[in-house]
N, C-alpha and C. Protein backbone atom coordinates (compact mmCIF):
# COMPACT_ATOMS: atom_id res chain seq x y z
N MET A 1 -32.96 28.03 67.08
CA MET A 1 -32.00 27.95 66.05
C MET A 1 -30.94 27.12 66.09
N ASN A 2 -30.73 26.21 65.09
CA ASN A 2 -29.52 25.30 65.37
C ASN A 2 -28.26 25.85 64.71
N GLY A 3 -27.05 25.42 65.06
CA GLY A 3 -25.73 26.19 64.52
C GLY A 3 -25.78 26.21 62.93
N GLY A 4 -26.21 25.51 62.18
CA GLY A 4 -26.31 25.63 60.86
C GLY A 4 -27.10 26.70 60.40
N ASP A 5 -28.19 27.06 61.03
CA ASP A 5 -28.96 28.11 60.76
C ASP A 5 -28.19 29.53 60.98
N ALA A 6 -27.64 29.45 62.36
CA ALA A 6 -26.96 30.57 62.82
C ALA A 6 -25.72 30.99 61.80
N ALA A 7 -24.93 30.06 61.33
CA ALA A 7 -23.79 30.07 60.42
C ALA A 7 -24.37 30.55 59.03
N ARG A 8 -25.68 30.30 58.57
CA ARG A 8 -26.05 30.36 57.27
C ARG A 8 -26.46 31.84 57.42
N ALA A 9 -27.13 32.42 58.64
CA ALA A 9 -27.54 33.66 58.87
C ALA A 9 -26.41 34.82 58.84
N SER A 10 -25.19 34.23 59.23
CA SER A 10 -24.21 35.20 59.60
C SER A 10 -23.42 35.32 58.27
N LEU A 11 -23.51 34.21 57.52
CA LEU A 11 -22.88 34.08 56.06
C LEU A 11 -23.52 35.14 55.09
N ALA A 12 -24.90 34.98 55.29
CA ALA A 12 -25.83 36.11 54.42
C ALA A 12 -25.44 37.50 54.70
N ASP A 13 -25.26 37.78 56.28
CA ASP A 13 -24.82 39.06 56.50
C ASP A 13 -23.50 39.45 55.85
N GLU A 14 -22.71 38.43 55.93
CA GLU A 14 -21.20 38.88 55.43
C GLU A 14 -21.43 39.31 53.88
N ARG A 15 -22.16 38.38 53.22
CA ARG A 15 -22.33 38.50 51.82
C ARG A 15 -23.05 39.86 51.50
N GLY A 16 -24.01 40.35 52.33
CA GLY A 16 -24.70 41.41 52.22
C GLY A 16 -23.87 42.79 52.38
N LYS A 17 -22.64 42.49 53.04
CA LYS A 17 -21.70 43.43 53.38
C LYS A 17 -20.90 43.70 52.28
N TYR A 18 -20.50 42.51 51.61
CA TYR A 18 -19.36 42.54 50.53
C TYR A 18 -19.87 42.51 49.41
N ALA A 19 -21.21 42.42 49.08
CA ALA A 19 -21.59 42.16 47.85
C ALA A 19 -21.40 43.48 46.88
N PRO A 20 -21.52 44.59 47.27
CA PRO A 20 -21.33 45.74 46.36
C PRO A 20 -19.69 45.46 45.91
N ARG A 21 -18.93 45.47 46.58
CA ARG A 21 -17.38 45.26 46.19
C ARG A 21 -17.28 44.13 45.09
N ARG A 22 -18.03 42.82 45.50
CA ARG A 22 -18.06 41.82 44.65
C ARG A 22 -18.51 42.41 43.19
N ILE A 23 -19.67 42.99 43.08
CA ILE A 23 -20.17 43.44 42.01
C ILE A 23 -19.40 44.26 41.16
N ALA A 24 -18.67 45.24 41.87
CA ALA A 24 -17.73 46.16 41.31
C ALA A 24 -16.66 45.27 40.50
N GLN A 25 -15.96 44.45 41.25
CA GLN A 25 -15.08 43.54 40.70
C GLN A 25 -15.56 42.85 39.37
N SER A 26 -16.65 42.11 39.27
CA SER A 26 -17.12 41.47 38.37
C SER A 26 -17.37 42.49 37.15
N ALA A 27 -17.83 43.68 37.53
CA ALA A 27 -18.38 44.62 36.48
C ALA A 27 -16.96 45.08 35.87
N ARG A 28 -15.98 45.29 36.65
CA ARG A 28 -14.71 45.59 36.02
C ARG A 28 -14.22 44.54 34.98
N ALA A 29 -14.32 43.10 35.59
CA ALA A 29 -13.79 42.17 34.82
C ALA A 29 -14.57 42.01 33.36
N VAL A 30 -15.91 42.21 33.48
CA VAL A 30 -16.80 42.36 32.26
C VAL A 30 -16.22 43.47 31.38
N ALA A 31 -16.00 44.52 31.97
CA ALA A 31 -15.52 45.81 31.18
C ALA A 31 -14.23 45.36 30.30
N ARG A 32 -13.28 44.65 31.08
CA ARG A 32 -12.02 44.15 30.59
C ARG A 32 -12.02 43.36 29.53
N ARG A 33 -13.17 42.46 29.71
CA ARG A 33 -13.30 41.39 28.74
C ARG A 33 -13.86 41.97 27.35
N ALA A 34 -14.78 42.86 27.79
CA ALA A 34 -15.43 43.57 26.49
C ALA A 34 -14.47 44.67 25.64
N ALA A 35 -13.42 45.13 26.55
CA ALA A 35 -12.37 45.81 25.83
C ALA A 35 -11.59 44.92 24.92
N ARG A 36 -11.17 43.69 25.35
CA ARG A 36 -10.57 42.85 24.54
C ARG A 36 -11.44 41.54 24.04
N PRO A 37 -12.27 41.63 22.80
CA PRO A 37 -12.96 40.43 22.33
C PRO A 37 -12.36 39.13 22.38
N SER A 38 -11.23 39.27 21.78
CA SER A 38 -10.34 37.91 21.90
C SER A 38 -10.21 37.30 22.96
N LEU A 39 -9.85 38.02 24.10
CA LEU A 39 -9.77 37.41 25.41
C LEU A 39 -11.12 36.95 25.70
N GLY A 40 -12.05 37.48 25.87
CA GLY A 40 -13.69 37.25 26.27
C GLY A 40 -14.09 35.99 25.44
N LYS A 41 -13.59 35.71 24.23
CA LYS A 41 -14.02 34.50 23.48
C LYS A 41 -13.28 33.26 24.47
N SER A 42 -12.20 33.21 24.69
CA SER A 42 -11.43 32.36 25.16
C SER A 42 -11.74 31.97 26.62
N VAL A 43 -12.31 33.00 27.10
CA VAL A 43 -12.98 32.38 28.43
C VAL A 43 -14.18 31.80 28.49
């Protein structure tokens, strides 16, 4: 396994660890946009 593969594997592990939080944040952002349609259109 070369350095690039190792880095990619650890990156995937980090992503797996933090994915739920990121999904929750994006869901909150989507909800906020849905609550204010005018803001959603400009983005």
